[in-house]
Amino acid sequence: MATEVITYNEDLIKMARIAKALSHPARLQILNILSKQTCCYSGNIAGEFPIALSTLSQHLKELKDSGLIQGEIMHPNIRYCINPENWHLAKELIDKFFNGYSLITEECCK
């Protein structure tokens, strides 16, 4: 029995990566902190809410891997800030998804 290969368009793949990064409250809090500043050292983020530095590092890595934030090494710290290009892309993809591919129709809600 042959298996069917499913291909996804590039927008869905990007949105899935962004959605994964947004799927944890700590990462949303980190984005909230960074969105209010030009840039922020990771040490400052740890002071904003109680989270172990190792856990913070894992969340920052997930956000960086998604492209939502960027980091710059400035020994002994790493400076993190929102990646504006990918931030706007994420907004566009999410808006496009919810406005163009609604999963709920008026008929099912009656």
N, C-alpha and C. Protein backbone atom coordinates (compact mmCIF):
# COMPACT_ATOMS: atom_id res chain seq x y z
N MET A 1 0.84 -1.17 0.00
CA MET A 1 0.00 0.00 0.00
C MET A 1 0.89 1.24 0.00
N ALA A 2 0.71 2.11 -0.97
CA ALA A 2 1.53 3.32 -1.10
C ALA A 2 1.04 4.39 -0.13
N THR A 3 1.99 5.09 0.43
CA THR A 3 1.62 6.20 1.31
C THR A 3 1.67 7.49 0.51
N GLU A 4 0.72 8.35 0.80
CA GLU A 4 0.64 9.63 0.10
C GLU A 4 1.56 10.64 0.77
N VAL A 5 2.31 11.34 -0.01
CA VAL A 5 3.21 12.37 0.52
C VAL A 5 2.44 13.68 0.59
N ILE A 6 2.44 14.26 1.77
CA ILE A 6 1.75 15.53 1.96
C ILE A 6 2.78 16.65 1.89
N THR A 7 2.49 17.65 1.10
CA THR A 7 3.37 18.81 1.02
C THR A 7 2.61 20.01 1.58
N TYR A 8 3.32 20.83 2.29
CA TYR A 8 2.74 22.03 2.89
C TYR A 8 3.36 23.25 2.23
N ASN A 9 2.56 24.30 2.08
CA ASN A 9 3.14 25.50 1.48
C ASN A 9 4.05 26.19 2.50
N GLU A 10 4.90 27.02 2.00
CA GLU A 10 5.92 27.67 2.82
C GLU A 10 5.32 28.51 3.95
N ASP A 11 4.20 29.18 3.68
CA ASP A 11 3.56 29.99 4.71
C ASP A 11 3.10 29.14 5.89
N LEU A 12 2.53 27.96 5.62
CA LEU A 12 2.08 27.09 6.70
C LEU A 12 3.25 26.57 7.53
N ILE A 13 4.35 26.27 6.87
CA ILE A 13 5.53 25.79 7.59
C ILE A 13 6.08 26.90 8.49
N LYS A 14 6.18 28.12 7.97
CA LYS A 14 6.65 29.25 8.77
C LYS A 14 5.71 29.52 9.94
N MET A 15 4.40 29.49 9.67
CA MET A 15 3.44 29.78 10.72
C MET A 15 3.47 28.71 11.81
N ALA A 16 3.67 27.46 11.44
CA ALA A 16 3.77 26.39 12.43
C ALA A 16 4.97 26.61 13.34
N ARG A 17 6.07 27.04 12.77
CA ARG A 17 7.28 27.31 13.57
C ARG A 17 7.05 28.47 14.54
N ILE A 18 6.38 29.50 14.05
CA ILE A 18 6.06 30.66 14.89
C ILE A 18 5.07 30.25 15.98
N ALA A 19 4.05 29.48 15.61
CA ALA A 19 3.04 29.05 16.58
C ALA A 19 3.68 28.21 17.69
N LYS A 20 4.64 27.38 17.33
CA LYS A 20 5.35 26.58 18.34
C LYS A 20 6.08 27.50 19.31
N ALA A 21 6.72 28.53 18.78
CA ALA A 21 7.45 29.46 19.63
C ALA A 21 6.51 30.24 20.54
N LEU A 22 5.29 30.50 20.09
CA LEU A 22 4.32 31.27 20.86
C LEU A 22 3.51 30.39 21.82
N SER A 23 3.78 29.09 21.85
CA SER A 23 2.93 28.16 22.58
C SER A 23 3.22 28.03 24.07
N HIS A 24 4.11 28.84 24.59
CA HIS A 24 4.42 28.75 26.02
C HIS A 24 4.29 30.13 26.66
N PRO A 25 3.61 30.22 27.80
CA PRO A 25 3.42 31.53 28.45
C PRO A 25 4.73 32.26 28.78
N ALA A 26 5.77 31.52 29.12
CA ALA A 26 7.05 32.17 29.43
C ALA A 26 7.62 32.86 28.19
N ARG A 27 7.48 32.22 27.03
CA ARG A 27 7.98 32.83 25.79
C ARG A 27 7.15 34.05 25.42
N LEU A 28 5.85 33.98 25.67
CA LEU A 28 5.01 35.16 25.43
C LEU A 28 5.42 36.30 26.35
N GLN A 29 5.74 35.97 27.60
CA GLN A 29 6.20 37.00 28.54
C GLN A 29 7.53 37.60 28.09
N ILE A 30 8.43 36.76 27.62
CA ILE A 30 9.72 37.26 27.11
C ILE A 30 9.49 38.20 25.94
N LEU A 31 8.63 37.82 25.01
CA LEU A 31 8.31 38.68 23.87
C LEU A 31 7.68 39.99 24.33
N ASN A 32 6.83 39.91 25.34
CA ASN A 32 6.20 41.11 25.89
C ASN A 32 7.26 42.05 26.46
N ILE A 33 8.20 41.50 27.18
CA ILE A 33 9.28 42.31 27.77
C ILE A 33 10.12 42.94 26.67
N LEU A 34 10.53 42.13 25.68
CA LEU A 34 11.38 42.64 24.62
C LEU A 34 10.67 43.64 23.72
N SER A 35 9.37 43.47 23.54
CA SER A 35 8.63 44.38 22.65
C SER A 35 8.51 45.79 23.23
N LYS A 36 8.75 45.92 24.53
CA LYS A 36 8.66 47.22 25.18
C LYS A 36 10.01 47.93 25.25
N GLN A 37 11.05 47.28 24.74
CA GLN A 37 12.40 47.84 24.82
C GLN A 37 13.06 47.78 23.46
N THR A 38 14.08 48.59 23.30
CA THR A 38 14.86 48.54 22.07
C THR A 38 15.65 47.23 22.04
N CYS A 39 16.35 46.93 23.10
CA CYS A 39 17.08 45.68 23.26
C CYS A 39 17.17 45.37 24.74
N CYS A 40 17.52 44.16 25.05
CA CYS A 40 17.55 43.74 26.44
C CYS A 40 18.57 42.62 26.62
N TYR A 41 19.36 42.71 27.65
CA TYR A 41 20.27 41.61 27.97
C TYR A 41 19.48 40.49 28.64
N SER A 42 19.90 39.25 28.40
CA SER A 42 19.18 38.12 28.97
C SER A 42 19.13 38.20 30.50
N GLY A 43 20.15 38.76 31.12
CA GLY A 43 20.15 38.91 32.57
C GLY A 43 19.03 39.80 33.06
N ASN A 44 18.68 40.81 32.31
CA ASN A 44 17.57 41.68 32.67
C ASN A 44 16.24 40.95 32.55
N ILE A 45 16.12 40.09 31.57
CA ILE A 45 14.88 39.34 31.39
C ILE A 45 14.64 38.46 32.61
N ALA A 46 15.68 37.82 33.10
CA ALA A 46 15.55 36.93 34.26
C ALA A 46 15.06 37.70 35.49
N GLY A 47 15.37 38.97 35.56
CA GLY A 47 14.91 39.78 36.68
C GLY A 47 13.45 40.19 36.58
N GLU A 48 12.86 40.03 35.42
CA GLU A 48 11.47 40.44 35.20
C GLU A 48 10.44 39.46 35.74
N PHE A 49 10.78 38.18 35.77
CA PHE A 49 9.87 37.19 36.33
C PHE A 49 10.67 35.98 36.79
N PRO A 50 10.16 35.26 37.79
CA PRO A 50 10.95 34.17 38.39
C PRO A 50 11.06 32.95 37.47
N ILE A 51 12.22 32.80 36.88
CA ILE A 51 12.48 31.66 36.00
C ILE A 51 13.97 31.34 36.09
N ALA A 52 14.28 30.07 36.15
CA ALA A 52 15.68 29.66 36.23
C ALA A 52 16.41 30.08 34.96
N LEU A 53 17.67 30.45 35.11
CA LEU A 53 18.44 30.90 33.95
C LEU A 53 18.54 29.82 32.86
N SER A 54 18.63 28.56 33.27
CA SER A 54 18.70 27.48 32.27
C SER A 54 17.39 27.38 31.50
N THR A 55 16.27 27.56 32.18
CA THR A 55 14.97 27.52 31.53
C THR A 55 14.81 28.73 30.62
N LEU A 56 15.23 29.89 31.10
CA LEU A 56 15.19 31.11 30.29
C LEU A 56 15.99 30.91 29.01
N SER A 57 17.16 30.32 29.14
CA SER A 57 18.02 30.08 27.99
C SER A 57 17.33 29.18 26.96
N GLN A 58 16.62 28.16 27.42
CA GLN A 58 15.89 27.27 26.51
C GLN A 58 14.78 28.03 25.78
N HIS A 59 14.05 28.88 26.51
CA HIS A 59 12.98 29.65 25.89
C HIS A 59 13.54 30.67 24.89
N LEU A 60 14.64 31.31 25.23
CA LEU A 60 15.27 32.26 24.31
C LEU A 60 15.74 31.55 23.05
N LYS A 61 16.26 30.34 23.21
CA LYS A 61 16.70 29.57 22.04
C LYS A 61 15.52 29.26 21.13
N GLU A 62 14.41 28.86 21.70
CA GLU A 62 13.21 28.55 20.90
C GLU A 62 12.73 29.79 20.14
N LEU A 63 12.73 30.93 20.81
CA LEU A 63 12.31 32.18 20.16
C LEU A 63 13.29 32.59 19.08
N LYS A 64 14.56 32.40 19.35
CA LYS A 64 15.59 32.75 18.36
C LYS A 64 15.51 31.81 17.16
N ASP A 65 15.31 30.52 17.40
CA ASP A 65 15.19 29.55 16.31
C ASP A 65 13.99 29.85 15.42
N SER A 66 12.93 30.41 16.00
CA SER A 66 11.74 30.76 15.22
C SER A 66 11.95 32.03 14.42
N GLY A 67 12.98 32.81 14.78
CA GLY A 67 13.25 34.06 14.10
C GLY A 67 12.55 35.26 14.70
N LEU A 68 11.76 35.05 15.77
CA LEU A 68 11.04 36.17 16.37
C LEU A 68 11.96 37.12 17.13
N ILE A 69 13.07 36.60 17.64
CA ILE A 69 14.05 37.46 18.30
C ILE A 69 15.42 37.22 17.68
N GLN A 70 16.31 38.15 17.93
CA GLN A 70 17.69 37.99 17.49
C GLN A 70 18.60 38.31 18.66
N GLY A 71 19.77 37.73 18.64
CA GLY A 71 20.72 37.93 19.71
C GLY A 71 22.06 38.37 19.19
N GLU A 72 22.72 39.14 19.99
CA GLU A 72 24.06 39.63 19.66
C GLU A 72 24.96 39.36 20.85
N ILE A 73 26.06 38.65 20.64
CA ILE A 73 26.97 38.34 21.73
C ILE A 73 27.81 39.57 22.03
N MET A 74 27.72 40.01 23.27
CA MET A 74 28.53 41.12 23.77
C MET A 74 29.08 40.64 25.12
N HIS A 75 30.19 39.91 25.04
CA HIS A 75 30.74 39.24 26.22
C HIS A 75 30.74 40.15 27.44
N PRO A 76 30.29 39.65 28.57
CA PRO A 76 29.90 38.27 28.88
C PRO A 76 28.40 38.02 28.67
N ASN A 77 27.69 38.91 28.07
CA ASN A 77 26.24 38.77 27.90
C ASN A 77 25.87 38.56 26.44
N ILE A 78 24.61 38.17 26.24
CA ILE A 78 24.03 38.15 24.91
C ILE A 78 22.86 39.11 24.94
N ARG A 79 22.83 40.01 23.99
CA ARG A 79 21.78 41.02 23.92
C ARG A 79 20.69 40.52 22.98
N TYR A 80 19.45 40.46 23.50
CA TYR A 80 18.32 39.99 22.70
C TYR A 80 17.38 41.14 22.41
N CYS A 81 16.79 41.10 21.22
CA CYS A 81 15.74 42.05 20.88
C CYS A 81 14.82 41.42 19.83
N ILE A 82 13.67 42.03 19.66
CA ILE A 82 12.70 41.57 18.67
C ILE A 82 13.32 41.70 17.28
N ASN A 83 13.11 40.71 16.43
CA ASN A 83 13.53 40.79 15.03
C ASN A 83 12.35 41.42 14.28
N PRO A 84 12.44 42.72 13.95
CA PRO A 84 11.27 43.42 13.40
C PRO A 84 10.74 42.83 12.10
N GLU A 85 11.62 42.36 11.24
CA GLU A 85 11.19 41.80 9.97
C GLU A 85 10.33 40.54 10.19
N ASN A 86 10.82 39.64 11.04
CA ASN A 86 10.08 38.41 11.31
C ASN A 86 8.87 38.64 12.20
N TRP A 87 8.93 39.67 13.04
CA TRP A 87 7.79 40.04 13.89
C TRP A 87 6.61 40.42 12.99
N HIS A 88 6.89 41.24 11.98
CA HIS A 88 5.84 41.66 11.04
C HIS A 88 5.38 40.49 10.17
N LEU A 89 6.31 39.63 9.77
CA LEU A 89 5.94 38.44 9.01
C LEU A 89 5.00 37.56 9.82
N ALA A 90 5.31 37.36 11.10
CA ALA A 90 4.46 36.54 11.96
C ALA A 90 3.05 37.11 12.03
N LYS A 91 2.95 38.42 12.20
CA LYS A 91 1.64 39.07 12.25
C LYS A 91 0.89 38.87 10.95
N GLU A 92 1.56 39.05 9.84
CA GLU A 92 0.93 38.87 8.53
C GLU A 92 0.44 37.43 8.33
N LEU A 93 1.27 36.46 8.69
CA LEU A 93 0.90 35.05 8.51
C LEU A 93 -0.29 34.68 9.39
N ILE A 94 -0.27 35.15 10.64
CA ILE A 94 -1.37 34.84 11.55
C ILE A 94 -2.65 35.52 11.08
N ASP A 95 -2.55 36.79 10.69
CA ASP A 95 -3.72 37.49 10.16
C ASP A 95 -4.26 36.78 8.92
N LYS A 96 -3.36 36.41 8.02
CA LYS A 96 -3.76 35.73 6.79
C LYS A 96 -4.46 34.42 7.11
N PHE A 97 -3.90 33.68 8.06
CA PHE A 97 -4.49 32.40 8.43
C PHE A 97 -5.90 32.57 8.99
N PHE A 98 -6.07 33.46 9.95
CA PHE A 98 -7.37 33.63 10.59
C PHE A 98 -8.38 34.34 9.70
N ASN A 99 -7.92 35.20 8.84
CA ASN A 99 -8.85 35.92 7.95
C ASN A 99 -9.12 35.17 6.65
N GLY A 100 -8.19 34.35 6.23
CA GLY A 100 -8.35 33.69 4.94
C GLY A 100 -8.70 32.23 5.01
N TYR A 101 -8.44 31.62 6.15
CA TYR A 101 -8.66 30.19 6.29
C TYR A 101 -9.43 29.88 7.56
N SER A 102 -10.55 30.55 7.73
CA SER A 102 -11.34 30.36 8.95
C SER A 102 -11.81 28.92 9.05
N LEU A 103 -11.64 28.32 10.21
CA LEU A 103 -12.05 26.95 10.43
C LEU A 103 -13.50 26.87 10.90
N ILE A 104 -14.06 28.00 11.29
CA ILE A 104 -15.42 28.03 11.80
C ILE A 104 -16.29 28.77 10.81
N THR A 105 -17.37 28.18 10.43
CA THR A 105 -18.31 28.85 9.53
C THR A 105 -19.55 29.21 10.31
N GLU A 106 -20.29 30.16 9.80
CA GLU A 106 -21.52 30.58 10.47
C GLU A 106 -22.51 29.44 10.58
N GLU A 107 -22.56 28.54 9.58
CA GLU A 107 -23.51 27.45 9.58
C GLU A 107 -23.30 26.51 10.76
N CYS A 108 -22.05 26.23 11.10
CA CYS A 108 -21.82 25.26 12.19
C CYS A 108 -22.12 25.85 13.56
N CYS A 109 -22.24 27.15 13.63
CA CYS A 109 -22.47 27.80 14.92
C CYS A 109 -23.95 28.05 15.20
N LYS A 110 -24.82 27.70 14.27
CA LYS A 110 -26.26 27.93 14.45
C LYS A 110 -26.88 26.89 15.33
